[in-house]
Amino acid sequence: MSWGEIYAHLIASTGWTWDYIADNMDIPRLIELKEYWAKNPPLHMMVKGYLGLGKEEQPQEEGNLADIMAMAPQTPGSAM
């Protein structure tokens, strides 16, 4: 996550301005807010979760060689 994304999240969650955050936020305060929001998420995050927005596709697991070989058609006399 970039600093720009952190600032944008703080702005959306609190209504603060970019300059206010730059002048008044530090890492310990950000950690405290993150812990609080983990238990009590801001409204826009609850709506995002409810609507299923922002979910990244999970990469498909690659099968192992035995799974791939099991999908191949079996022919008489083939070695496996």
N, C-alpha and C. Protein backbone atom coordinates (compact mmCIF):
# COMPACT_ATOMS: atom_id res chain seq x y z
N MET A 1 0.85 -1.17 0.00
CA MET A 1 0.00 0.00 0.00
C MET A 1 0.91 1.24 0.00
N SER A 2 0.58 2.19 -0.85
CA SER A 2 1.39 3.40 -0.94
C SER A 2 0.91 4.45 0.07
N TRP A 3 1.74 5.48 0.29
CA TRP A 3 1.33 6.56 1.19
C TRP A 3 0.09 7.26 0.64
N GLY A 4 0.00 7.39 -0.67
CA GLY A 4 -1.19 8.01 -1.26
C GLY A 4 -2.45 7.23 -0.94
N GLU A 5 -2.37 5.90 -0.98
CA GLU A 5 -3.53 5.07 -0.63
C GLU A 5 -3.88 5.20 0.85
N ILE A 6 -2.87 5.30 1.69
CA ILE A 6 -3.12 5.48 3.13
C ILE A 6 -3.81 6.82 3.37
N TYR A 7 -3.30 7.89 2.74
CA TYR A 7 -3.92 9.19 2.89
C TYR A 7 -5.36 9.16 2.37
N ALA A 8 -5.57 8.55 1.21
CA ALA A 8 -6.93 8.48 0.65
C ALA A 8 -7.88 7.74 1.58
N HIS A 9 -7.41 6.66 2.18
CA HIS A 9 -8.24 5.91 3.12
C HIS A 9 -8.58 6.76 4.34
N LEU A 10 -7.59 7.47 4.87
CA LEU A 10 -7.84 8.34 6.02
C LEU A 10 -8.82 9.46 5.66
N ILE A 11 -8.69 10.03 4.49
CA ILE A 11 -9.60 11.09 4.04
C ILE A 11 -11.02 10.55 3.92
N ALA A 12 -11.17 9.38 3.28
CA ALA A 12 -12.50 8.79 3.10
C ALA A 12 -13.11 8.37 4.43
N SER A 13 -12.29 7.94 5.37
CA SER A 13 -12.78 7.44 6.64
C SER A 13 -13.09 8.53 7.65
N THR A 14 -12.38 9.65 7.56
CA THR A 14 -12.49 10.67 8.60
C THR A 14 -13.02 12.01 8.13
N GLY A 15 -12.88 12.29 6.84
CA GLY A 15 -13.24 13.60 6.33
C GLY A 15 -12.13 14.62 6.49
N TRP A 16 -10.97 14.18 6.99
CA TRP A 16 -9.84 15.08 7.17
C TRP A 16 -9.29 15.48 5.81
N THR A 17 -8.53 16.56 5.77
CA THR A 17 -7.88 16.99 4.53
C THR A 17 -6.49 16.37 4.45
N TRP A 18 -5.94 16.41 3.24
CA TRP A 18 -4.59 15.90 3.01
C TRP A 18 -3.60 16.61 3.92
N ASP A 19 -3.72 17.94 4.00
CA ASP A 19 -2.80 18.73 4.82
C ASP A 19 -2.96 18.44 6.31
N TYR A 20 -4.19 18.23 6.77
CA TYR A 20 -4.40 17.90 8.18
C TYR A 20 -3.71 16.59 8.52
N ILE A 21 -3.84 15.61 7.64
CA ILE A 21 -3.20 14.31 7.88
C ILE A 21 -1.68 14.48 7.91
N ALA A 22 -1.15 15.25 6.95
CA ALA A 22 0.30 15.46 6.89
C ALA A 22 0.83 16.12 8.16
N ASP A 23 0.03 17.03 8.72
CA ASP A 23 0.47 17.77 9.90
C ASP A 23 0.22 17.05 11.22
N ASN A 24 -0.76 16.14 11.26
CA ASN A 24 -1.20 15.60 12.55
C ASN A 24 -1.10 14.09 12.71
N MET A 25 -0.88 13.35 11.64
CA MET A 25 -0.83 11.89 11.76
C MET A 25 0.61 11.40 11.82
N ASP A 26 0.80 10.34 12.58
CA ASP A 26 2.08 9.65 12.62
C ASP A 26 1.80 8.15 12.63
N ILE A 27 2.84 7.36 12.55
CA ILE A 27 2.67 5.90 12.46
C ILE A 27 1.95 5.32 13.68
N PRO A 28 2.31 5.68 14.91
CA PRO A 28 1.57 5.11 16.06
C PRO A 28 0.07 5.42 16.01
N ARG A 29 -0.29 6.63 15.62
CA ARG A 29 -1.72 6.97 15.52
C ARG A 29 -2.39 6.18 14.41
N LEU A 30 -1.68 6.01 13.30
CA LEU A 30 -2.23 5.22 12.19
C LEU A 30 -2.48 3.78 12.64
N ILE A 31 -1.56 3.21 13.39
CA ILE A 31 -1.72 1.84 13.89
C ILE A 31 -2.93 1.75 14.82
N GLU A 32 -3.10 2.73 15.69
CA GLU A 32 -4.26 2.74 16.60
C GLU A 32 -5.57 2.81 15.82
N LEU A 33 -5.62 3.68 14.80
CA LEU A 33 -6.84 3.76 13.98
C LEU A 33 -7.09 2.44 13.26
N LYS A 34 -6.03 1.84 12.72
CA LYS A 34 -6.17 0.56 12.01
C LYS A 34 -6.74 -0.51 12.94
N GLU A 35 -6.25 -0.57 14.16
CA GLU A 35 -6.76 -1.56 15.12
C GLU A 35 -8.23 -1.28 15.46
N TYR A 36 -8.58 -0.02 15.64
CA TYR A 36 -9.97 0.33 15.93
C TYR A 36 -10.86 -0.02 14.74
N TRP A 37 -10.42 0.33 13.53
CA TRP A 37 -11.23 0.08 12.34
C TRP A 37 -11.33 -1.42 12.03
N ALA A 38 -10.41 -2.23 12.51
CA ALA A 38 -10.53 -3.68 12.33
C ALA A 38 -11.76 -4.21 13.07
N LYS A 39 -12.09 -3.58 14.21
CA LYS A 39 -13.26 -3.98 14.99
C LYS A 39 -14.50 -3.19 14.62
N ASN A 40 -14.32 -1.96 14.19
CA ASN A 40 -15.42 -1.04 13.88
C ASN A 40 -15.13 -0.35 12.55
N PRO A 41 -15.33 -1.05 11.43
CA PRO A 41 -14.93 -0.48 10.15
C PRO A 41 -15.74 0.76 9.77
N PRO A 42 -15.10 1.69 9.05
CA PRO A 42 -15.82 2.84 8.54
C PRO A 42 -16.93 2.40 7.58
N LEU A 43 -17.94 3.23 7.45
CA LEU A 43 -19.11 2.87 6.64
C LEU A 43 -18.73 2.48 5.22
N HIS A 44 -17.85 3.23 4.58
CA HIS A 44 -17.51 2.92 3.19
C HIS A 44 -16.86 1.54 3.07
N MET A 45 -16.15 1.08 4.10
CA MET A 45 -15.55 -0.25 4.07
C MET A 45 -16.61 -1.34 4.27
N MET A 46 -17.61 -1.06 5.11
CA MET A 46 -18.69 -2.03 5.30
C MET A 46 -19.51 -2.17 4.02
N VAL A 47 -19.78 -1.06 3.34
CA VAL A 47 -20.53 -1.11 2.09
C VAL A 47 -19.72 -1.85 1.03
N LYS A 48 -18.44 -1.58 0.97
CA LYS A 48 -17.55 -2.27 0.03
C LYS A 48 -17.60 -3.78 0.24
N GLY A 49 -17.53 -4.20 1.50
CA GLY A 49 -17.60 -5.62 1.82
C GLY A 49 -18.95 -6.22 1.49
N TYR A 50 -20.02 -5.48 1.79
CA TYR A 50 -21.37 -5.96 1.52
C TYR A 50 -21.59 -6.16 0.03
N LEU A 51 -21.08 -5.24 -0.78
CA LEU A 51 -21.26 -5.32 -2.23
C LEU A 51 -20.23 -6.21 -2.91
N GLY A 52 -19.25 -6.67 -2.15
CA GLY A 52 -18.22 -7.54 -2.73
C GLY A 52 -17.27 -6.80 -3.65
N LEU A 53 -17.09 -5.51 -3.44
CA LEU A 53 -16.22 -4.72 -4.30
C LEU A 53 -14.77 -4.84 -3.84
N GLY A 54 -13.86 -4.71 -4.80
CA GLY A 54 -12.45 -4.69 -4.47
C GLY A 54 -11.83 -6.04 -4.20
N LYS A 55 -12.58 -7.11 -4.40
CA LYS A 55 -12.00 -8.43 -4.19
C LYS A 55 -11.10 -8.76 -5.38
N GLU A 56 -9.89 -9.15 -5.08
CA GLU A 56 -8.97 -9.56 -6.13
C GLU A 56 -9.17 -11.04 -6.40
N GLU A 57 -9.06 -11.39 -7.68
CA GLU A 57 -9.20 -12.80 -8.02
C GLU A 57 -8.03 -13.58 -7.43
N GLN A 58 -8.35 -14.71 -6.85
CA GLN A 58 -7.31 -15.58 -6.30
C GLN A 58 -6.73 -16.40 -7.44
N PRO A 59 -5.41 -16.49 -7.51
CA PRO A 59 -4.82 -17.30 -8.58
C PRO A 59 -5.21 -18.76 -8.41
N GLN A 60 -5.48 -19.41 -9.53
CA GLN A 60 -5.84 -20.82 -9.47
C GLN A 60 -4.61 -21.63 -9.09
N GLU A 61 -4.85 -22.62 -8.26
CA GLU A 61 -3.75 -23.48 -7.86
C GLU A 61 -3.37 -24.37 -9.04
N GLU A 62 -2.08 -24.52 -9.22
CA GLU A 62 -1.61 -25.42 -10.26
C GLU A 62 -1.67 -26.84 -9.74
N GLY A 63 -2.15 -27.75 -10.59
CA GLY A 63 -2.21 -29.15 -10.19
C GLY A 63 -0.83 -29.76 -10.20
N ASN A 64 -0.68 -30.81 -9.43
CA ASN A 64 0.61 -31.49 -9.48
C ASN A 64 0.62 -32.44 -10.66
N LEU A 65 1.75 -33.00 -10.96
CA LEU A 65 1.90 -33.84 -12.15
C LEU A 65 0.95 -35.04 -12.11
N ALA A 66 0.73 -35.63 -10.96
CA ALA A 66 -0.17 -36.78 -10.86
C ALA A 66 -1.60 -36.38 -11.23
N ASP A 67 -2.04 -35.20 -10.81
CA ASP A 67 -3.39 -34.73 -11.17
C ASP A 67 -3.50 -34.52 -12.67
N ILE A 68 -2.46 -33.94 -13.26
CA ILE A 68 -2.48 -33.69 -14.70
C ILE A 68 -2.49 -35.00 -15.46
N MET A 69 -1.67 -35.96 -15.04
CA MET A 69 -1.61 -37.26 -15.71
C MET A 69 -2.93 -38.00 -15.57
N ALA A 70 -3.62 -37.84 -14.44
CA ALA A 70 -4.89 -38.52 -14.23
C ALA A 70 -5.96 -37.99 -15.18
N MET A 71 -5.83 -36.76 -15.65
CA MET A 71 -6.80 -36.20 -16.58
C MET A 71 -6.58 -36.67 -18.01
N ALA A 72 -5.38 -37.16 -18.30
CA ALA A 72 -5.06 -37.61 -19.65
C ALA A 72 -5.78 -38.93 -19.93
N PRO A 73 -6.26 -39.09 -21.16
CA PRO A 73 -6.94 -40.35 -21.49
C PRO A 73 -5.95 -41.53 -21.41
N GLN A 74 -6.44 -42.62 -20.87
CA GLN A 74 -5.61 -43.80 -20.73
C GLN A 74 -5.74 -44.65 -21.99
N THR A 75 -4.63 -45.08 -22.52
CA THR A 75 -4.65 -45.96 -23.68
C THR A 75 -3.97 -47.26 -23.30
N PRO A 76 -4.45 -48.35 -23.86
CA PRO A 76 -3.83 -49.64 -23.53
C PRO A 76 -2.35 -49.63 -23.89
N GLY A 77 -1.55 -50.13 -23.01
CA GLY A 77 -0.12 -50.25 -23.24
C GLY A 77 0.66 -48.99 -22.91
N SER A 78 -0.03 -47.95 -22.43
CA SER A 78 0.72 -46.73 -22.09
C SER A 78 1.38 -46.93 -20.73
N ALA A 79 2.55 -46.40 -20.59
CA ALA A 79 3.28 -46.53 -19.33
C ALA A 79 2.95 -45.36 -18.42
N MET A 80 2.61 -45.67 -17.17
CA MET A 80 2.35 -44.63 -16.18
C MET A 80 2.89 -45.06 -14.88
